[in-house]
Amino acid sequence: MIRFKSLGSGSSGNATVVQVRGGAQVVHLLIDCGLGIRELDKRLGRAGMLAEQLDAIFITHEHGDHIGCAVQVALRERIPLHMSEGTYMAIGEPELEGLLRIARDNTPIELGPMRVDPFTVPHDAREPLQLCCSDGATRLGVLTDLGHASAHVLQMMAGCRSLLLECNHDEAMLAAGPYPPFLKRRVGGAYGHLANSAAAAIAQSVKPFGIVVAAHLSEQNNKPELAREALAAALSCGAGDLHVANQSTGSDWLDA
């Protein structure tokens, strides 16, 4: 059994817990840790958890809204911290007291009954990775912070039953919005973030038949209803069948 919960999603901080139960063993993976440590503890508490229950942390890339308090939490709780070598270099190669685990593209990570498959994505970071998580029967894709879906991304996402998928911006809102031109180019570029239309195209390609959560929405350049409409059209479902993870509360616990 696999289930997941966003603790918060957006430019001010991202964190998602994935839980896999295999027999008597329950494993919790925290994907990204882009919150302050007190806020992380508070949101884990709301999710019915303590930080000490985390079995591993996976950092997708070095940007502040994803790395956050990861090093501090890993050291405090003695939790293995997975990230690419490029991400580790980008955060200054801190001393992790034996807790560092280097993650690599298309090299599985086994966490008891959970399998994690990292893969590279086109994003303006040192060596960004996104990932799929599986309990052996069900596959959950976590895909945020990329400018476009490469053939490799689509190949790695194939077979995912459920998705946590970036819907960062509406293209018209971004074009008319308050960002300066250089930032609009960065966000909307090939190594920036996914527009609703690009996310919809990915969803249409993957064809998930489980839960779909729109994530990492820009507060300035998107609206939940626009993300829902784009995904619903691509998946031929009702907008009410889709979920949106927000910055302040994330999402409910959802069964993948």
Protein backbone atom coordinates (compact mmCIF):
# COMPACT_ATOMS: atom_id res chain seq x y z
CA MET A 1 0.00 0.00 0.00
CA ILE A 2 1.32 3.43 -0.94
CA ARG A 3 -0.07 6.79 0.12
CA PHE A 4 1.25 10.32 0.14
CA LYS A 5 0.68 13.79 1.51
CA SER A 6 2.03 17.16 0.45
CA LEU A 7 3.01 19.17 3.52
CA GLY A 8 3.21 22.33 1.40
CA SER A 9 3.80 23.13 -2.25
CA GLY A 10 4.83 26.38 -3.89
CA SER A 11 7.68 28.83 -4.22
CA SER A 12 7.83 29.37 -0.44
CA GLY A 13 8.56 25.73 0.39
CA ASN A 14 7.97 22.17 -0.77
CA ALA A 15 7.79 18.90 1.15
CA THR A 16 5.94 15.64 0.51
CA VAL A 17 5.71 12.48 2.61
CA VAL A 18 5.34 9.12 0.87
CA GLN A 19 4.37 6.12 2.99
CA VAL A 20 4.63 2.47 1.94
CA ARG A 21 3.34 -0.37 4.06
CA GLY A 22 4.68 -3.85 3.36
CA GLY A 23 3.43 -6.43 5.81
CA ALA A 24 4.37 -5.25 9.29
CA GLN A 25 6.91 -2.72 7.98
CA VAL A 26 5.98 0.90 7.31
CA VAL A 27 8.46 3.21 5.57
CA HIS A 28 8.23 7.00 5.29
CA LEU A 29 10.18 9.02 2.73
CA LEU A 30 10.26 12.82 2.85
CA ILE A 31 10.70 14.28 -0.63
CA ASP A 32 12.19 17.75 -0.27
CA CYS A 33 12.39 19.69 2.94
CA GLY A 34 11.89 23.30 1.88
CA LEU A 35 10.48 24.57 5.18
CA GLY A 36 11.96 25.89 8.41
CA ILE A 37 12.55 23.18 10.97
CA ARG A 38 9.82 24.37 13.33
CA GLU A 39 7.34 24.62 10.48
CA LEU A 40 8.31 21.15 9.27
CA ASP A 41 7.75 19.70 12.73
CA LYS A 42 4.39 21.47 12.92
CA ARG A 43 3.21 20.17 9.56
CA LEU A 44 4.40 16.64 10.26
CA GLY A 45 2.41 16.85 13.48
CA ARG A 46 -0.70 17.83 11.53
CA ALA A 47 -0.07 14.77 9.36
CA GLY A 48 0.00 12.58 12.47
CA MET A 49 3.76 12.08 12.37
CA LEU A 50 7.01 12.96 14.10
CA ALA A 51 10.25 13.69 12.25
CA GLU A 52 11.83 10.68 13.96
CA GLN A 53 9.45 8.45 11.98
CA LEU A 54 11.08 9.45 8.70
CA ASP A 55 13.27 6.69 7.28
CA ALA A 56 14.92 8.79 4.57
CA ILE A 57 14.93 12.25 3.00
CA PHE A 58 15.29 12.77 -0.76
CA ILE A 59 16.26 16.24 -2.02
CA THR A 60 15.44 16.89 -5.66
CA HIS A 61 17.73 19.91 -6.10
CA GLU A 62 19.45 22.72 -4.23
CA HIS A 63 16.96 25.59 -4.55
CA GLY A 64 15.96 27.00 -1.19
CA ASP A 65 12.30 26.04 -1.44
CA HIS A 66 13.40 22.40 -1.68
CA ILE A 67 16.55 22.06 0.44
CA GLY A 68 15.27 24.15 3.39
CA CYS A 69 16.14 22.51 6.71
CA ALA A 70 17.10 19.12 5.23
CA VAL A 71 20.64 19.04 6.63
CA GLN A 72 19.50 20.19 10.05
CA VAL A 73 16.72 17.59 10.27
CA ALA A 74 18.92 14.78 8.96
CA LEU A 75 21.58 15.48 11.57
CA ARG A 76 19.10 15.95 14.41
CA GLU A 77 17.22 12.72 13.72
CA ARG A 78 20.06 10.71 12.12
CA ILE A 79 18.10 10.25 8.89
CA PRO A 80 19.89 9.23 5.65
CA LEU A 81 19.84 12.12 3.18
CA HIS A 82 19.66 11.25 -0.52
CA MET A 83 20.60 13.73 -3.26
CA SER A 84 22.63 13.88 -6.45
CA GLU A 85 26.33 14.64 -6.31
CA GLY A 86 25.65 17.91 -8.14
CA THR A 87 23.10 18.95 -5.52
CA TYR A 88 25.51 18.08 -2.72
CA MET A 89 28.21 20.22 -4.33
CA ALA A 90 25.73 23.06 -4.89
CA ILE A 91 24.85 23.23 -1.17
CA GLY A 92 28.53 23.48 -0.22
CA GLU A 93 29.29 19.83 0.63
CA PRO A 94 28.33 20.04 4.32
CA GLU A 95 29.55 17.41 6.78
CA LEU A 96 26.73 14.90 7.06
CA GLU A 97 28.38 12.47 9.47
CA GLY A 98 27.87 9.41 7.30
CA LEU A 99 24.24 10.19 6.43
CA LEU A 100 24.83 11.26 2.80
CA ARG A 101 23.56 8.91 0.11
CA ILE A 102 24.37 9.92 -3.48
CA ALA A 103 21.41 9.38 -5.79
CA ARG A 104 21.89 8.80 -9.49
CA ASP A 105 19.73 8.85 -12.57
CA ASN A 106 17.93 5.58 -13.20
CA THR A 107 19.61 3.86 -10.23
CA PRO A 108 16.96 2.44 -7.88
CA ILE A 109 16.99 3.09 -4.14
CA GLU A 110 15.55 0.34 -1.95
CA LEU A 111 13.94 1.45 1.32
CA GLY A 112 12.46 -1.74 2.70
CA PRO A 113 9.14 -2.27 0.87
CA MET A 114 9.54 1.02 -1.05
CA ARG A 115 11.46 1.34 -4.28
CA VAL A 116 12.53 4.81 -5.43
CA ASP A 117 13.57 5.46 -9.03
CA PRO A 118 15.32 8.84 -9.48
CA PHE A 119 15.69 10.42 -12.90
CA THR A 120 17.20 13.59 -14.33
CA VAL A 121 15.00 16.47 -15.46
CA PRO A 122 15.64 19.70 -17.41
CA HIS A 123 15.74 22.43 -14.75
CA ASP A 124 18.13 25.27 -13.94
CA ALA A 125 19.89 23.51 -11.07
CA ARG A 126 23.21 21.67 -10.73
CA GLU A 127 21.99 18.07 -11.13
CA PRO A 128 18.23 17.95 -10.48
CA LEU A 129 16.40 14.69 -9.98
CA GLN A 130 12.73 13.81 -9.72
CA LEU A 131 11.45 10.37 -8.80
CA CYS A 132 8.89 7.62 -8.87
CA CYS A 133 8.00 5.61 -5.76
CA SER A 134 6.56 2.10 -5.78
CA ASP A 135 5.36 -0.54 -3.35
CA GLY A 136 5.86 -3.22 -5.99
CA ALA A 137 2.32 -2.98 -7.31
CA THR A 138 1.49 0.72 -7.51
CA ARG A 139 3.71 3.45 -8.92
CA LEU A 140 3.54 7.12 -7.84
CA GLY A 141 5.29 9.78 -9.92
CA VAL A 142 6.54 12.99 -8.30
CA LEU A 143 7.37 15.53 -10.99
CA THR A 144 7.95 19.20 -10.20
CA ASP A 145 10.53 21.82 -11.13
CA LEU A 146 11.27 21.19 -14.78
CA GLY A 147 10.94 23.28 -17.87
CA HIS A 148 9.75 20.56 -20.23
CA ALA A 149 9.27 16.81 -20.38
CA SER A 150 12.19 15.14 -22.13
CA ALA A 151 11.80 11.70 -23.67
CA HIS A 152 13.69 10.35 -20.64
CA VAL A 153 11.21 11.95 -18.23
CA LEU A 154 8.24 10.44 -20.06
CA GLN A 155 9.93 7.06 -20.18
CA MET A 156 10.55 7.09 -16.43
CA MET A 157 7.00 8.25 -15.68
CA ALA A 158 5.39 5.53 -17.79
CA GLY A 159 3.18 3.22 -15.78
CA CYS A 160 2.53 5.64 -12.92
CA ARG A 161 -0.90 5.11 -11.44
CA SER A 162 -0.89 8.45 -9.59
CA LEU A 163 0.93 11.76 -10.07
CA LEU A 164 2.03 14.74 -8.04
CA LEU A 165 2.58 17.04 -11.01
CA GLU A 166 3.84 20.60 -11.31
CA CYS A 167 1.33 23.08 -12.72
CA ASN A 168 3.38 26.18 -12.07
CA HIS A 169 1.84 28.83 -14.26
CA ASP A 170 -0.78 29.80 -16.77
CA GLU A 171 1.03 31.14 -19.81
CA ALA A 172 -1.28 34.13 -20.28
CA MET A 173 -1.08 35.08 -16.60
CA LEU A 174 2.71 34.83 -16.65
CA ALA A 175 2.94 37.03 -19.76
CA ALA A 176 0.65 39.70 -18.27
CA GLY A 177 1.89 39.38 -14.70
CA PRO A 178 4.23 41.45 -12.52
CA TYR A 179 7.46 39.49 -13.02
CA PRO A 180 10.31 41.35 -14.77
CA PRO A 181 11.11 40.13 -18.30
CA PHE A 182 14.20 38.12 -17.30
CA LEU A 183 12.20 36.19 -14.70
CA LYS A 184 9.34 35.55 -17.12
CA ARG A 185 11.88 34.10 -19.56
CA ARG A 186 13.38 31.93 -16.84
CA VAL A 187 10.07 30.59 -15.51
CA GLY A 188 8.62 29.96 -18.96
CA GLY A 189 11.84 28.65 -20.49
CA ALA A 190 12.95 25.12 -21.30
CA TYR A 191 14.76 24.82 -17.94
CA GLY A 192 12.23 26.68 -15.81
CA HIS A 193 8.80 25.47 -14.72
CA LEU A 194 5.84 23.70 -16.30
CA ALA A 195 2.89 25.67 -17.62
CA ASN A 196 -0.57 24.18 -17.12
CA SER A 197 -0.65 23.19 -20.79
CA ALA A 198 2.70 21.38 -20.53
CA ALA A 199 1.58 19.57 -17.39
CA ALA A 200 -1.61 18.54 -19.15
CA ALA A 201 0.40 17.12 -22.05
CA ILE A 202 2.47 15.05 -19.61
CA ALA A 203 -0.65 13.77 -17.89
CA GLN A 204 -2.16 12.86 -21.24
CA SER A 205 1.00 10.92 -22.14
CA VAL A 206 1.28 9.09 -18.81
CA LYS A 207 -2.46 8.38 -18.54
CA PRO A 208 -2.63 7.93 -14.75
CA PHE A 209 -5.80 6.21 -13.55
CA GLY A 210 -5.38 6.97 -9.86
CA ILE A 211 -4.92 10.23 -7.97
CA VAL A 212 -3.61 13.34 -9.74
CA VAL A 213 -2.43 16.31 -7.67
CA ALA A 214 -1.52 19.65 -9.24
CA ALA A 215 1.48 21.04 -7.35
CA HIS A 216 3.92 23.95 -7.17
CA LEU A 217 1.35 26.49 -8.37
CA SER A 218 2.59 30.07 -8.59
CA GLU A 219 0.57 32.44 -6.44
CA GLN A 220 1.15 35.26 -8.93
CA ASN A 221 0.84 33.39 -12.22
CA ASN A 222 -1.74 30.67 -11.76
CA LYS A 223 -5.08 29.79 -10.22
CA PRO A 224 -6.19 26.36 -8.95
CA GLU A 225 -9.21 26.35 -11.24
CA LEU A 226 -7.00 26.92 -14.31
CA ALA A 227 -4.73 24.01 -13.38
CA ARG A 228 -7.73 21.77 -12.74
CA GLU A 229 -9.34 22.72 -16.07
CA ALA A 230 -6.18 21.97 -18.05
CA LEU A 231 -5.64 18.59 -16.41
CA ALA A 232 -9.32 17.65 -16.60
CA ALA A 233 -9.39 18.32 -20.34
CA ALA A 234 -6.27 16.20 -20.86
CA LEU A 235 -7.54 13.32 -18.72
CA SER A 236 -11.20 13.49 -19.82
CA CYS A 237 -12.39 13.74 -16.24
CA GLY A 238 -14.16 16.30 -14.11
CA ALA A 239 -12.19 19.12 -12.50
CA GLY A 240 -13.59 17.98 -9.16
CA ASP A 241 -11.80 14.64 -9.58
CA LEU A 242 -8.43 16.38 -9.31
CA HIS A 243 -6.54 17.65 -6.27
CA VAL A 244 -4.45 20.80 -5.79
CA ALA A 245 -1.63 21.02 -3.24
CA ASN A 246 -1.32 24.51 -1.78
CA GLN A 247 1.42 26.37 0.05
CA SER A 248 -0.12 26.57 3.51
CA THR A 249 -1.65 23.13 4.02
CA GLY A 250 -0.43 20.97 1.13
CA SER A 251 -2.91 18.16 0.56
CA ASP A 252 -4.75 15.48 2.47
CA TRP A 253 -3.31 12.00 2.83
CA LEU A 254 -4.13 10.33 -0.49
CA ASP A 255 -3.99 6.67 -1.49
CA ALA A 256 -1.98 6.25 -4.66
